[in-house]
Amino acid sequence: MHRALALAATLMFGAATAYTAHAAPDNTLGVAILGVHVEQNGTFIDATGVTGVDHNGRGTAYQVTFVRDVSNCLYAATPFFAVHAVAVGPVVGQPEVVQVNVRAAGDSNAFLVEAEFYLLVYCPR
C-alpha cells in the first residue's frame, strides 16, 4: 500500500518533489481534525478540540487554544463573510495556540478587524 502511494505521488509530482507520508503512532496515516467557528466578539459557536478563544477587541488578533500541541499541524482559516481575509499561524512558545488575523479583503495594510471566521487544524494523529 505504501509503495502504491509513493508511486502515485512520484507520477503526479515528479521524483524530486515526491512526499513520504509519516505514520501516526497507531501506525496509520490518519489525521486528527480540530476546528472552531468563532464569532466576531471572540466567543466560539461550534468547536472540536478547542479550550478557548482570546480576543481583546477591535484591532487585535484572535488566539485560539487547542487541547494539544498544534505547532506542527496544517492550518486553514476562512472568513464568514467574503469582505474579509484571514491569515493564520502558530504562536511562538505556545504550541497549543494559533493566531488568526482578520482584515478587510484586498488590503494587506488594513487594520485588524473583528469578524466571524472558521478555523480548521489538521494534525498527525
PDB file of N, CA and C in Angstrom:
ATOM      1  N   MET A   1       0.825  -1.191   0.000  1.00  0.00           N
ATOM      2  CA  MET A   1       0.000   0.000   0.000  1.00  0.00           C
ATOM      3  C   MET A   1       0.870   1.257   0.000  1.00  0.00           C
ATOM      4  N   HIS A   2       1.916   1.279   0.859  1.00  0.00           N
ATOM      5  CA  HIS A   2       2.778   2.458   0.927  1.00  0.00           C
ATOM      6  C   HIS A   2       3.518   2.687  -0.384  1.00  0.00           C
ATOM      7  N   ARG A   3       3.932   1.584  -1.044  1.00  0.00           N
ATOM      8  CA  ARG A   3       4.624   1.721  -2.326  1.00  0.00           C
ATOM      9  C   ARG A   3       3.690   2.299  -3.378  1.00  0.00           C
ATOM     10  N   ALA A   4       2.433   1.896  -3.349  1.00  0.00           N
ATOM     11  CA  ALA A   4       1.464   2.425  -4.315  1.00  0.00           C
ATOM     12  C   ALA A   4       1.275   3.919  -4.115  1.00  0.00           C
ATOM     13  N   LEU A   5       1.201   4.370  -2.861  1.00  0.00           N
ATOM     14  CA  LEU A   5       1.062   5.804  -2.584  1.00  0.00           C
ATOM     15  C   LEU A   5       2.299   6.562  -3.040  1.00  0.00           C
ATOM     16  N   ALA A   6       3.473   6.013  -2.762  1.00  0.00           N
ATOM     17  CA  ALA A   6       4.714   6.665  -3.169  1.00  0.00           C
ATOM     18  C   ALA A   6       4.801   6.746  -4.687  1.00  0.00           C
ATOM     19  N   LEU A   7       4.408   5.670  -5.378  1.00  0.00           N
ATOM     20  CA  LEU A   7       4.422   5.667  -6.836  1.00  0.00           C
ATOM     21  C   LEU A   7       3.443   6.696  -7.390  1.00  0.00           C
ATOM     22  N   ALA A   8       2.250   6.764  -6.807  1.00  0.00           N
ATOM     23  CA  ALA A   8       1.256   7.749  -7.250  1.00  0.00           C
ATOM     24  C   ALA A   8       1.776   9.163  -7.055  1.00  0.00           C
ATOM     25  N   ALA A   9       2.407   9.430  -5.919  1.00  0.00           N
ATOM     26  CA  ALA A   9       2.965  10.760  -5.658  1.00  0.00           C
ATOM     27  C   ALA A   9       4.073  11.086  -6.647  1.00  0.00           C
ATOM     28  N   THR A  10       4.926  10.099  -6.956  1.00  0.00           N
ATOM     29  CA  THR A  10       6.010  10.310  -7.907  1.00  0.00           C
ATOM     30  C   THR A  10       5.456  10.624  -9.291  1.00  0.00           C
ATOM     31  N   LEU A  11       4.429   9.895  -9.704  1.00  0.00           N
ATOM     32  CA  LEU A  11       3.834  10.136 -11.019  1.00  0.00           C
ATOM     33  C   LEU A  11       3.151  11.494 -11.095  1.00  0.00           C
ATOM     34  N   MET A  12       2.519  11.913  -9.996  1.00  0.00           N
ATOM     35  CA  MET A  12       1.792  13.187 -10.004  1.00  0.00           C
ATOM     36  C   MET A  12       2.718  14.387  -9.882  1.00  0.00           C
ATOM     37  N   PHE A  13       3.736  14.300  -9.015  1.00  0.00           N
ATOM     38  CA  PHE A  13       4.549  15.467  -8.690  1.00  0.00           C
ATOM     39  C   PHE A  13       5.991  15.368  -9.176  1.00  0.00           C
ATOM     40  N   GLY A  14       6.402  14.238  -9.671  1.00  0.00           N
ATOM     41  CA  GLY A  14       7.776  14.051 -10.109  1.00  0.00           C
ATOM     42  C   GLY A  14       8.636  13.528  -8.972  1.00  0.00           C
ATOM     43  N   ALA A  15       9.717  12.884  -9.320  1.00  0.00           N
ATOM     44  CA  ALA A  15      10.572  12.247  -8.315  1.00  0.00           C
ATOM     45  C   ALA A  15      11.186  13.258  -7.354  1.00  0.00           C
ATOM     46  N   ALA A  16      11.501  14.447  -7.819  1.00  0.00           N
ATOM     47  CA  ALA A  16      12.176  15.429  -6.968  1.00  0.00           C
ATOM     48  C   ALA A  16      11.268  15.965  -5.874  1.00  0.00           C
ATOM     49  N   THR A  17       9.943  15.945  -6.080  1.00  0.00           N
ATOM     50  CA  THR A  17       9.048  16.514  -5.092  1.00  0.00           C
ATOM     51  C   THR A  17       8.129  15.477  -4.458  1.00  0.00           C
ATOM     52  N   ALA A  18       8.452  14.196  -4.611  1.00  0.00           N
ATOM     53  CA  ALA A  18       7.606  13.156  -4.002  1.00  0.00           C
ATOM     54  C   ALA A  18       7.610  13.320  -2.495  1.00  0.00           C
ATOM     55  N   TYR A  19       6.479  13.091  -1.876  1.00  0.00           N
ATOM     56  CA  TYR A  19       6.316  13.262  -0.441  1.00  0.00           C
ATOM     57  C   TYR A  19       6.137  11.900   0.218  1.00  0.00           C
ATOM     58  N   THR A  20       6.860  11.666   1.282  1.00  0.00           N
ATOM     59  CA  THR A  20       6.710  10.435   2.037  1.00  0.00           C
ATOM     60  C   THR A  20       5.806  10.718   3.230  1.00  0.00           C
ATOM     61  N   ALA A  21       4.681  10.058   3.296  1.00  0.00           N
ATOM     62  CA  ALA A  21       3.754  10.244   4.408  1.00  0.00           C
ATOM     63  C   ALA A  21       4.295   9.542   5.640  1.00  0.00           C
ATOM     64  N   HIS A  22       4.138  10.149   6.789  1.00  0.00           N
ATOM     65  CA  HIS A  22       4.600   9.578   8.053  1.00  0.00           C
ATOM     66  C   HIS A  22       3.427   8.946   8.779  1.00  0.00           C
ATOM     67  N   ALA A  23       3.638   7.767   9.291  1.00  0.00           N
ATOM     68  CA  ALA A  23       2.579   7.063  10.013  1.00  0.00           C
ATOM     69  C   ALA A  23       2.333   7.712  11.361  1.00  0.00           C
ATOM     70  N   ALA A  24       1.100   7.656  11.797  1.00  0.00           N
ATOM     71  CA  ALA A  24       0.716   8.119  13.129  1.00  0.00           C
ATOM     72  C   ALA A  24       1.167   7.077  14.159  1.00  0.00           C
ATOM     73  N   PRO A  25       1.111   7.406  15.465  1.00  0.00           N
ATOM     74  CA  PRO A  25       1.538   6.455  16.490  1.00  0.00           C
ATOM     75  C   PRO A  25       0.854   5.090  16.401  1.00  0.00           C
ATOM     76  N   ASP A  26      -0.377   5.034  15.910  1.00  0.00           N
ATOM     77  CA  ASP A  26      -1.058   3.742  15.797  1.00  0.00           C
ATOM     78  C   ASP A  26      -0.740   3.066  14.454  1.00  0.00           C
ATOM     79  N   ASN A  27       0.330   3.562  13.769  1.00  0.00           N
ATOM     80  CA  ASN A  27       0.831   3.023  12.518  1.00  0.00           C
ATOM     81  C   ASN A  27      -0.155   3.160  11.366  1.00  0.00           C
ATOM     82  N   THR A  28      -0.993   4.189  11.417  1.00  0.00           N
ATOM     83  CA  THR A  28      -1.877   4.505  10.302  1.00  0.00           C
ATOM     84  C   THR A  28      -1.458   5.855   9.744  1.00  0.00           C
ATOM     85  N   LEU A  29      -2.017   6.225   8.651  1.00  0.00           N
ATOM     86  CA  LEU A  29      -1.734   7.538   8.070  1.00  0.00           C
ATOM     87  C   LEU A  29      -2.879   8.497   8.365  1.00  0.00           C
ATOM     88  N   GLY A  30      -3.496   8.336   9.508  1.00  0.00           N
ATOM     89  CA  GLY A  30      -4.652   9.132   9.875  1.00  0.00           C
ATOM     90  C   GLY A  30      -4.315  10.576  10.208  1.00  0.00           C
ATOM     91  N   VAL A  31      -5.354  11.376  10.274  1.00  0.00           N
ATOM     92  CA  VAL A  31      -5.229  12.792  10.585  1.00  0.00           C
ATOM     93  C   VAL A  31      -6.239  13.138  11.668  1.00  0.00           C
ATOM     94  N   ALA A  32      -5.816  13.931  12.636  1.00  0.00           N
ATOM     95  CA  ALA A  32      -6.741  14.470  13.630  1.00  0.00           C
ATOM     96  C   ALA A  32      -7.201  15.831  13.114  1.00  0.00           C
ATOM     97  N   ILE A  33      -8.500  16.050  13.097  1.00  0.00           N
ATOM     98  CA  ILE A  33      -9.048  17.321  12.622  1.00  0.00           C
ATOM     99  C   ILE A  33      -9.645  18.061  13.805  1.00  0.00           C
ATOM    100  N   LEU A  34      -9.133  19.259  14.037  1.00  0.00           N
ATOM    101  CA  LEU A  34      -9.628  20.135  15.090  1.00  0.00           C
ATOM    102  C   LEU A  34     -10.218  21.361  14.403  1.00  0.00           C
ATOM    103  N   GLY A  35     -11.195  21.990  15.010  1.00  0.00           N
ATOM    104  CA  GLY A  35     -11.768  23.148  14.351  1.00  0.00           C
ATOM    105  C   GLY A  35     -12.656  23.973  15.249  1.00  0.00           C
ATOM    106  N   VAL A  36     -12.947  25.176  14.769  1.00  0.00           N
ATOM    107  CA  VAL A  36     -13.783  26.095  15.533  1.00  0.00           C
ATOM    108  C   VAL A  36     -14.453  27.100  14.600  1.00  0.00           C
ATOM    109  N   HIS A  37     -15.649  27.515  14.983  1.00  0.00           N
ATOM    110  CA  HIS A  37     -16.384  28.600  14.330  1.00  0.00           C
ATOM    111  C   HIS A  37     -16.427  29.721  15.367  1.00  0.00           C
ATOM    112  N   VAL A  38     -15.745  30.831  15.088  1.00  0.00           N
ATOM    113  CA  VAL A  38     -15.600  31.924  16.050  1.00  0.00           C
ATOM    114  C   VAL A  38     -16.437  33.117  15.621  1.00  0.00           C
ATOM    115  N   GLU A  39     -17.197  33.682  16.572  1.00  0.00           N
ATOM    116  CA  GLU A  39     -17.964  34.901  16.311  1.00  0.00           C
ATOM    117  C   GLU A  39     -17.039  36.111  16.407  1.00  0.00           C
ATOM    118  N   GLN A  40     -17.514  37.257  15.905  1.00  0.00           N
ATOM    119  CA  GLN A  40     -16.662  38.441  15.870  1.00  0.00           C
ATOM    120  C   GLN A  40     -16.209  38.910  17.248  1.00  0.00           C
ATOM    121  N   ASN A  41     -16.972  38.633  18.291  1.00  0.00           N
ATOM    122  CA  ASN A  41     -16.569  39.070  19.631  1.00  0.00           C
ATOM    123  C   ASN A  41     -15.624  38.087  20.318  1.00  0.00           C
ATOM    124  N   GLY A  42     -15.282  36.970  19.629  1.00  0.00           N
ATOM    125  CA  GLY A  42     -14.326  36.018  20.178  1.00  0.00           C
ATOM    126  C   GLY A  42     -14.937  34.804  20.842  1.00  0.00           C
ATOM    127  N   THR A  43     -16.255  34.761  20.959  1.00  0.00           N
ATOM    128  CA  THR A  43     -16.875  33.555  21.513  1.00  0.00           C
ATOM    129  C   THR A  43     -16.954  32.514  20.394  1.00  0.00           C
ATOM    130  N   PHE A  44     -16.910  31.240  20.779  1.00  0.00           N
ATOM    131  CA  PHE A  44     -16.998  30.230  19.737  1.00  0.00           C
ATOM    132  C   PHE A  44     -18.326  29.513  19.775  1.00  0.00           C
ATOM    133  N   ILE A  45     -18.850  29.240  18.577  1.00  0.00           N
ATOM    134  CA  ILE A  45     -20.168  28.636  18.403  1.00  0.00           C
ATOM    135  C   ILE A  45     -20.048  27.121  18.447  1.00  0.00           C
ATOM    136  N   ASP A  46     -19.247  26.582  17.569  1.00  0.00           N
ATOM    137  CA  ASP A  46     -19.006  25.146  17.497  1.00  0.00           C
ATOM    138  C   ASP A  46     -17.511  24.928  17.547  1.00  0.00           C
ATOM    139  N   ALA A  47     -17.083  23.840  18.205  1.00  0.00           N
ATOM    140  CA  ALA A  47     -15.648  23.580  18.282  1.00  0.00           C
ATOM    141  C   ALA A  47     -15.387  22.110  18.540  1.00  0.00           C
ATOM    142  N   THR A  48     -14.248  21.658  18.048  1.00  0.00           N
ATOM    143  CA  THR A  48     -13.739  20.326  18.328  1.00  0.00           C
ATOM    144  C   THR A  48     -12.278  20.485  18.718  1.00  0.00           C
ATOM    145  N   GLY A  49     -11.942  20.114  19.949  1.00  0.00           N
ATOM    146  CA  GLY A  49     -10.565  20.187  20.407  1.00  0.00           C
ATOM    147  C   GLY A  49     -10.098  21.571  20.799  1.00  0.00           C
ATOM    148  N   VAL A  50     -11.020  22.494  21.041  1.00  0.00           N
ATOM    149  CA  VAL A  50     -10.680  23.877  21.405  1.00  0.00           C
ATOM    150  C   VAL A  50     -11.039  24.120  22.869  1.00  0.00           C
ATOM    151  N   THR A  51     -10.112  24.753  23.599  1.00  0.00           N
ATOM    152  CA  THR A  51     -10.391  25.071  25.001  1.00  0.00           C
ATOM    153  C   THR A  51     -10.773  26.532  25.202  1.00  0.00           C
ATOM    154  N   GLY A  52     -10.435  27.398  24.248  1.00  0.00           N
ATOM    155  CA  GLY A  52     -10.802  28.799  24.406  1.00  0.00           C
ATOM    156  C   GLY A  52     -10.327  29.666  23.265  1.00  0.00           C
ATOM    157  N   VAL A  53     -10.896  30.866  23.203  1.00  0.00           N
ATOM    158  CA  VAL A  53     -10.508  31.874  22.221  1.00  0.00           C
ATOM    159  C   VAL A  53     -10.297  33.182  22.973  1.00  0.00           C
ATOM    160  N   ASP A  54      -9.128  33.805  22.774  1.00  0.00           N
ATOM    161  CA  ASP A  54      -8.844  35.109  23.373  1.00  0.00           C
ATOM    162  C   ASP A  54      -8.905  36.171  22.293  1.00  0.00           C
ATOM    163  N   HIS A  55      -9.620  37.244  22.585  1.00  0.00           N
ATOM    164  CA  HIS A  55      -9.716  38.374  21.662  1.00  0.00           C
ATOM    165  C   HIS A  55     -10.025  39.607  22.500  1.00  0.00           C
ATOM    166  N   ASN A  56      -9.179  40.621  22.383  1.00  0.00           N
ATOM    167  CA  ASN A  56      -9.332  41.819  23.214  1.00  0.00           C
ATOM    168  C   ASN A  56      -9.942  42.992  22.479  1.00  0.00           C
ATOM    169  N   GLY A  57     -10.735  42.714  21.457  1.00  0.00           N
ATOM    170  CA  GLY A  57     -11.444  43.792  20.772  1.00  0.00           C
ATOM    171  C   GLY A  57     -10.819  44.198  19.457  1.00  0.00           C
ATOM    172  N   ARG A  58     -11.469  45.166  18.826  1.00  0.00           N
ATOM    173  CA  ARG A  58     -11.069  45.654  17.502  1.00  0.00           C
ATOM    174  C   ARG A  58      -9.590  46.026  17.483  1.00  0.00           C
ATOM    175  N   GLY A  59      -8.923  45.625  16.412  1.00  0.00           N
ATOM    176  CA  GLY A  59      -7.509  45.946  16.259  1.00  0.00           C
ATOM    177  C   GLY A  59      -6.575  44.908  16.863  1.00  0.00           C
ATOM    178  N   THR A  60      -7.127  43.825  17.397  1.00  0.00           N
ATOM    179  CA  THR A  60      -6.285  42.765  17.962  1.00  0.00           C
ATOM    180  C   THR A  60      -6.592  41.435  17.283  1.00  0.00           C
ATOM    181  N   ALA A  61      -5.626  40.549  17.311  1.00  0.00           N
ATOM    182  CA  ALA A  61      -5.789  39.226  16.710  1.00  0.00           C
ATOM    183  C   ALA A  61      -6.599  38.321  17.627  1.00  0.00           C
ATOM    184  N   TYR A  62      -7.072  37.245  17.070  1.00  0.00           N
ATOM    185  CA  TYR A  62      -7.732  36.195  17.839  1.00  0.00           C
ATOM    186  C   TYR A  62      -6.678  35.133  18.137  1.00  0.00           C
ATOM    187  N   GLN A  63      -6.672  34.594  19.341  1.00  0.00           N
ATOM    188  CA  GLN A  63      -5.783  33.489  19.673  1.00  0.00           C
ATOM    189  C   GLN A  63      -6.639  32.320  20.121  1.00  0.00           C
ATOM    190  N   VAL A  64      -6.537  31.215  19.379  1.00  0.00           N
ATOM    191  CA  VAL A  64      -7.337  30.025  19.641  1.00  0.00           C
ATOM    192  C   VAL A  64      -6.447  28.991  20.320  1.00  0.00           C
ATOM    193  N   THR A  65      -6.891  28.488  21.480  1.00  0.00           N
ATOM    194  CA  THR A  65      -6.130  27.495  22.234  1.00  0.00           C
ATOM    195  C   THR A  65      -6.767  26.123  22.048  1.00  0.00           C
ATOM    196  N   PHE A  66      -5.941  25.155  21.700  1.00  0.00           N
ATOM    197  CA  PHE A  66      -6.390  23.791  21.456  1.00  0.00           C
ATOM    198  C   PHE A  66      -5.988  22.868  22.608  1.00  0.00           C
ATOM    199  N   VAL A  67      -6.538  21.672  22.620  1.00  0.00           N
ATOM    200  CA  VAL A  67      -6.283  20.699  23.688  1.00  0.00           C
ATOM    201  C   VAL A  67      -4.946  19.988  23.515  1.00  0.00           C
ATOM    202  N   ARG A  68      -4.247  20.246  22.432  1.00  0.00           N
ATOM    203  CA  ARG A  68      -2.992  19.558  22.155  1.00  0.00           C
ATOM    204  C   ARG A  68      -2.026  20.487  21.438  1.00  0.00           C
ATOM    205  N   ASP A  69      -0.804  20.049  21.301  1.00  0.00           N
ATOM    206  CA  ASP A  69       0.217  20.772  20.554  1.00  0.00           C
ATOM    207  C   ASP A  69      -0.191  20.788  19.080  1.00  0.00           C
ATOM    208  N   VAL A  70      -0.330  21.970  18.507  1.00  0.00           N
ATOM    209  CA  VAL A  70      -0.696  22.108  17.097  1.00  0.00           C
ATOM    210  C   VAL A  70       0.391  22.837  16.302  1.00  0.00           C
ATOM    211  N   SER A  71       1.578  22.925  16.873  1.00  0.00           N
ATOM    212  CA  SER A  71       2.656  23.683  16.231  1.00  0.00           C
ATOM    213  C   SER A  71       3.175  23.037  14.948  1.00  0.00           C
ATOM    214  N   ASN A  72       2.988  21.736  14.781  1.00  0.00           N
ATOM    215  CA  ASN A  72       3.446  21.049  13.570  1.00  0.00           C
ATOM    216  C   ASN A  72       2.273  20.589  12.711  1.00  0.00           C
ATOM    217  N   CYS A  73       1.189  21.303  12.782  1.00  0.00           N
ATOM    218  CA  CYS A  73      -0.021  20.944  12.039  1.00  0.00           C
ATOM    219  C   CYS A  73      -0.221  21.898  10.862  1.00  0.00           C
ATOM    220  N   LEU A  74      -1.212  21.609  10.057  1.00  0.00           N
ATOM    221  CA  LEU A  74      -1.599  22.487   8.951  1.00  0.00           C
ATOM    222  C   LEU A  74      -2.833  23.276   9.358  1.00  0.00           C
ATOM    223  N   TYR A  75      -2.874  24.569   9.006  1.00  0.00           N
ATOM    224  CA  TYR A  75      -3.988  25.441   9.388  1.00  0.00           C
ATOM    225  C   TYR A  75      -4.717  25.935   8.145  1.00  0.00           C
ATOM    226  N   ALA A  76      -6.035  26.048   8.258  1.00  0.00           N
ATOM    227  CA  ALA A  76      -6.844  26.630   7.191  1.00  0.00           C
ATOM    228  C   ALA A  76      -7.929  27.480   7.846  1.00  0.00           C
ATOM    229  N   ALA A  77      -7.948  28.763   7.527  1.00  0.00           N
ATOM    230  CA  ALA A  77      -8.951  29.672   8.077  1.00  0.00           C
ATOM    231  C   ALA A  77      -9.731  30.309   6.938  1.00  0.00           C
ATOM    232  N   THR A  78     -11.033  30.495   7.167  1.00  0.00           N
ATOM    233  CA  THR A  78     -11.921  31.075   6.168  1.00  0.00           C
ATOM    234  C   THR A  78     -12.804  32.112   6.838  1.00  0.00           C
ATOM    235  N   PRO A  79     -12.898  33.316   6.269  1.00  0.00           N
ATOM    236  CA  PRO A  79     -13.806  34.304   6.851  1.00  0.00           C
ATOM    237  C   PRO A  79     -15.259  33.916   6.601  1.00  0.00           C
ATOM    238  N   PHE A  80     -16.135  34.300   7.510  1.00  0.00           N
ATOM    239  CA  PHE A  80     -17.563  34.029   7.356  1.00  0.00           C
ATOM    240  C   PHE A  80     -18.143  34.859   6.210  1.00  0.00           C
ATOM    241  N   PHE A  81     -17.670  36.101   6.089  1.00  0.00           N
ATOM    242  CA  PHE A  81     -18.116  36.988   5.014  1.00  0.00           C
ATOM    243  C   PHE A  81     -16.963  37.245   4.050  1.00  0.00           C
ATOM    244  N   ALA A  82     -17.255  37.300   2.755  1.00  0.00           N
ATOM    245  CA  ALA A  82     -16.221  37.455   1.729  1.00  0.00           C
ATOM    246  C   ALA A  82     -15.524  38.811   1.753  1.00  0.00           C
ATOM    247  N   VAL A  83     -16.014  39.769   2.508  1.00  0.00           N
ATOM    248  CA  VAL A  83     -15.378  41.091   2.556  1.00  0.00           C
ATOM    249  C   VAL A  83     -14.146  41.087   3.454  1.00  0.00           C
ATOM    250  N   HIS A  84     -13.861  39.946   4.096  1.00  0.00           N
ATOM    251  CA  HIS A  84     -12.705  39.832   4.978  1.00  0.00           C
ATOM    252  C   HIS A  84     -11.703  38.821   4.440  1.00  0.00           C
ATOM    253  N   ALA A  85     -10.471  38.959   4.891  1.00  0.00           N
ATOM    254  CA  ALA A  85      -9.410  37.997   4.590  1.00  0.00           C
ATOM    255  C   ALA A  85      -8.764  37.606   5.911  1.00  0.00           C
ATOM    256  N   VAL A  86      -8.297  36.377   5.998  1.00  0.00           N
ATOM    257  CA  VAL A  86      -7.682  35.913   7.240  1.00  0.00           C
ATOM    258  C   VAL A  86      -6.280  35.389   6.971  1.00  0.00           C
ATOM    259  N   ALA A  87      -5.431  35.534   7.977  1.00  0.00           N
ATOM    260  CA  ALA A  87      -4.093  34.944   7.976  1.00  0.00           C
ATOM    261  C   ALA A  87      -3.966  34.198   9.293  1.00  0.00           C
ATOM    262  N   VAL A  88      -3.339  33.037   9.248  1.00  0.00           N
ATOM    263  CA  VAL A  88      -3.267  32.193  10.437  1.00  0.00           C
ATOM    264  C   VAL A  88      -1.874  31.601  10.570  1.00  0.00           C
ATOM    265  N   GLY A  89      -1.422  31.436  11.825  1.00  0.00           N
ATOM    266  CA  GLY A  89      -0.109  30.847  12.060  1.00  0.00           C
ATOM    267  C   GLY A  89       0.073  30.481  13.516  1.00  0.00           C
ATOM    268  N   PRO A  90       1.148  29.748  13.800  1.00  0.00           N
ATOM    269  CA  PRO A  90       1.420  29.333  15.180  1.00  0.00           C
ATOM    270  C   PRO A  90       1.896  30.504  16.025  1.00  0.00           C
ATOM    271  N   VAL A  91       1.801  30.356  17.337  1.00  0.00           N
ATOM    272  CA  VAL A  91       2.305  31.363  18.274  1.00  0.00           C
ATOM    273  C   VAL A  91       3.577  30.796  18.894  1.00  0.00           C
ATOM    274  N   VAL A  92       4.698  31.469  18.717  1.00  0.00           N
ATOM    275  CA  VAL A  92       5.985  31.001  19.216  1.00  0.00           C
ATOM    276  C   VAL A  92       5.937  30.843  20.731  1.00  0.00           C
ATOM    277  N   GLY A  93       6.379  29.699  21.214  1.00  0.00           N
ATOM    278  CA  GLY A  93       6.426  29.440  22.647  1.00  0.00           C
ATOM    279  C   GLY A  93       5.119  28.966  23.246  1.00  0.00           C
ATOM    280  N   GLN A  94       4.063  28.905  22.430  1.00  0.00           N
ATOM    281  CA  GLN A  94       2.761  28.423  22.887  1.00  0.00           C
ATOM    282  C   GLN A  94       2.259  27.384  21.883  1.00  0.00           C
ATOM    283  N   PRO A  95       2.721  26.130  21.995  1.00  0.00           N
ATOM    284  CA  PRO A  95       2.422  25.128  20.978  1.00  0.00           C
ATOM    285  C   PRO A  95       0.952  24.746  20.834  1.00  0.00           C
ATOM    286  N   GLU A  96       0.109  25.111  21.795  1.00  0.00           N
ATOM    287  CA  GLU A  96      -1.321  24.801  21.705  1.00  0.00           C
ATOM    288  C   GLU A  96      -2.131  25.954  21.125  1.00  0.00           C
ATOM    289  N   VAL A  97      -1.464  27.067  20.769  1.00  0.00           N
ATOM    290  CA  VAL A  97      -2.173  28.283  20.368  1.00  0.00           C
ATOM    291  C   VAL A  97      -1.904  28.631  18.907  1.00  0.00           C
ATOM    292  N   VAL A  98      -2.974  29.035  18.211  1.00  0.00           N
ATOM    293  CA  VAL A  98      -2.904  29.508  16.834  1.00  0.00           C
ATOM    294  C   VAL A  98      -3.455  30.927  16.808  1.00  0.00           C
ATOM    295  N   GLN A  99      -2.775  31.814  16.084  1.00  0.00           N
ATOM    296  CA  GLN A  99      -3.233  33.199  15.972  1.00  0.00           C
ATOM    297  C   GLN A  99      -3.908  33.414  14.631  1.00  0.00           C
ATOM    298  N   VAL A 100      -5.046  34.103  14.665  1.00  0.00           N
ATOM    299  CA  VAL A 100      -5.796  34.423  13.453  1.00  0.00           C
ATOM    300  C   VAL A 100      -5.932  35.933  13.353  1.00  0.00           C
ATOM    301  N   ASN A 101      -5.476  36.492  12.224  1.00  0.00           N
ATOM    302  CA  ASN A 101      -5.617  37.919  11.948  1.00  0.00           C
ATOM    303  C   ASN A 101      -6.684  38.097  10.883  1.00  0.00           C
ATOM    304  N   VAL A 102      -7.605  39.010  11.106  1.00  0.00           N
ATOM    305  CA  VAL A 102      -8.675  39.274  10.143  1.00  0.00           C
ATOM    306  C   VAL A 102      -8.574  40.729   9.696  1.00  0.00           C
ATOM    307  N   ARG A 103      -8.593  40.931   8.378  1.00  0.00           N
ATOM    308  CA  ARG A 103      -8.504  42.273   7.789  1.00  0.00           C
ATOM    309  C   ARG A 103      -9.551  42.410   6.688  1.00  0.00           C
ATOM    310  N   ALA A 104      -9.705  43.621   6.212  1.00  0.00           N
ATOM    311  CA  ALA A 104     -10.557  43.846   5.036  1.00  0.00           C
ATOM    312  C   ALA A 104      -9.894  43.156   3.846  1.00  0.00           C
ATOM    313  N   ALA A 105     -10.665  42.433   3.043  1.00  0.00           N
ATOM    314  CA  ALA A 105     -10.124  41.717   1.891  1.00  0.00           C
ATOM    315  C   ALA A 105      -9.488  42.689   0.899  1.00  0.00           C
ATOM    316  N   GLY A 106      -8.351  42.297   0.335  1.00  0.00           N
ATOM    317  CA  GLY A 106      -7.692  43.098  -0.681  1.00  0.00           C
ATOM    318  C   GLY A 106      -6.847  44.229  -0.152  1.00  0.00           C
ATOM    319  N   ASP A 107      -6.721  44.370   1.155  1.00  0.00           N
ATOM    320  CA  ASP A 107      -5.941  45.463   1.731  1.00  0.00           C
ATOM    321  C   ASP A 107      -5.047  44.927   2.831  1.00  0.00           C
ATOM    322  N   SER A 108      -3.822  44.536   2.472  1.00  0.00           N
ATOM    323  CA  SER A 108      -2.909  43.956   3.457  1.00  0.00           C
ATOM    324  C   SER A 108      -2.421  44.978   4.480  1.00  0.00           C
ATOM    325  N   ASN A 109      -2.632  46.272   4.220  1.00  0.00           N
ATOM    326  CA  ASN A 109      -2.235  47.315   5.170  1.00  0.00           C
ATOM    327  C   ASN A 109      -3.376  47.727   6.098  1.00  0.00           C
ATOM    328  N   ALA A 110      -4.538  47.133   5.905  1.00  0.00           N
ATOM    329  CA  ALA A 110      -5.705  47.496   6.719  1.00  0.00           C
ATOM    330  C   ALA A 110      -5.502  47.062   8.167  1.00  0.00           C
ATOM    331  N   PHE A 111      -6.154  47.764   9.067  1.00  0.00           N
ATOM    332  CA  PHE A 111      -6.118  47.399  10.476  1.00  0.00           C
ATOM    333  C   PHE A 111      -6.852  46.082  10.682  1.00  0.00           C
ATOM    334  N   LEU A 112      -6.486  45.380  11.741  1.00  0.00           N
ATOM    335  CA  LEU A 112      -7.213  44.163  12.093  1.00  0.00           C
ATOM    336  C   LEU A 112      -8.634  44.536  12.478  1.00  0.00           C
ATOM    337  N   VAL A 113      -9.582  43.690  12.101  1.00  0.00           N
ATOM    338  CA  VAL A 113     -10.995  43.945  12.387  1.00  0.00           C
ATOM    339  C   VAL A 113     -11.581  42.769  13.162  1.00  0.00           C
ATOM    340  N   GLU A 114     -12.733  43.000  13.746  1.00  0.00           N
ATOM    341  CA  GLU A 114     -13.479  41.923  14.380  1.00  0.00           C
ATOM    342  C   GLU A 114     -14.377  41.306  13.328  1.00  0.00           C
ATOM    343  N   ALA A 115     -14.264  40.006  13.131  1.00  0.00           N
ATOM    344  CA  ALA A 115     -15.081  39.342  12.121  1.00  0.00           C
ATOM    345  C   ALA A 115     -15.170  37.849  12.424  1.00  0.00           C
ATOM    346  N   GLU A 116     -16.292  37.287  12.068  1.00  0.00           N
ATOM    347  CA  GLU A 116     -16.545  35.862  12.263  1.00  0.00           C
ATOM    348  C   GLU A 116     -15.707  35.039  11.277  1.00  0.00           C
ATOM    349  N   PHE A 117     -15.201  33.876  11.726  1.00  0.00           N
ATOM    350  CA  PHE A 117     -14.389  33.031  10.852  1.00  0.00           C
ATOM    351  C   PHE A 117     -14.466  31.565  11.277  1.00  0.00           C
ATOM    352  N   TYR A 118     -13.989  30.707  10.372  1.00  0.00           N
ATOM    353  CA  TYR A 118     -13.846  29.279  10.638  1.00  0.00           C
ATOM    354  C   TYR A 118     -12.358  28.955  10.633  1.00  0.00           C
ATOM    355  N   LEU A 119     -11.929  28.057  11.513  1.00  0.00           N
ATOM    356  CA  LEU A 119     -10.536  27.610  11.558  1.00  0.00           C
ATOM    357  C   LEU A 119     -10.504  26.096  11.651  1.00  0.00           C
ATOM    358  N   LEU A 120      -9.785  25.465  10.734  1.00  0.00           N
ATOM    359  CA  LEU A 120      -9.557  24.023  10.783  1.00  0.00           C
ATOM    360  C   LEU A 120      -8.072  23.768  10.961  1.00  0.00           C
ATOM    361  N   VAL A 121      -7.738  22.776  11.779  1.00  0.00           N
ATOM    362  CA  VAL A 121      -6.346  22.389  12.023  1.00  0.00           C
ATOM    363  C   VAL A 121      -6.237  20.894  11.769  1.00  0.00           C
ATOM    364  N   TYR A 122      -5.309  20.518  10.914  1.00  0.00           N
ATOM    365  CA  TYR A 122      -5.100  19.123  10.553  1.00  0.00           C
ATOM    366  C   TYR A 122      -3.768  18.677  11.137  1.00  0.00           C
ATOM    367  N   CYS A 123      -3.797  17.663  12.003  1.00  0.00           N
ATOM    368  CA  CYS A 123      -2.581  17.194  12.679  1.00  0.00           C
ATOM    369  C   CYS A 123      -2.400  15.697  12.476  1.00  0.00           C
ATOM    370  N   PRO A 124      -1.130  15.231  12.469  1.00  0.00           N
ATOM    371  CA  PRO A 124      -0.922  13.790  12.517  1.00  0.00           C
ATOM    372  C   PRO A 124      -1.525  13.273  13.813  1.00  0.00           C
ATOM    373  N   ARG A 125      -2.116  12.109  13.776  1.00  0.00           N
ATOM    374  CA  ARG A 125      -2.751  11.568  14.989  1.00  0.00           C
ATOM    375  C   ARG A 125      -1.793  11.442  16.084  1.00  0.00           C
TER     376      ARG A 125
END
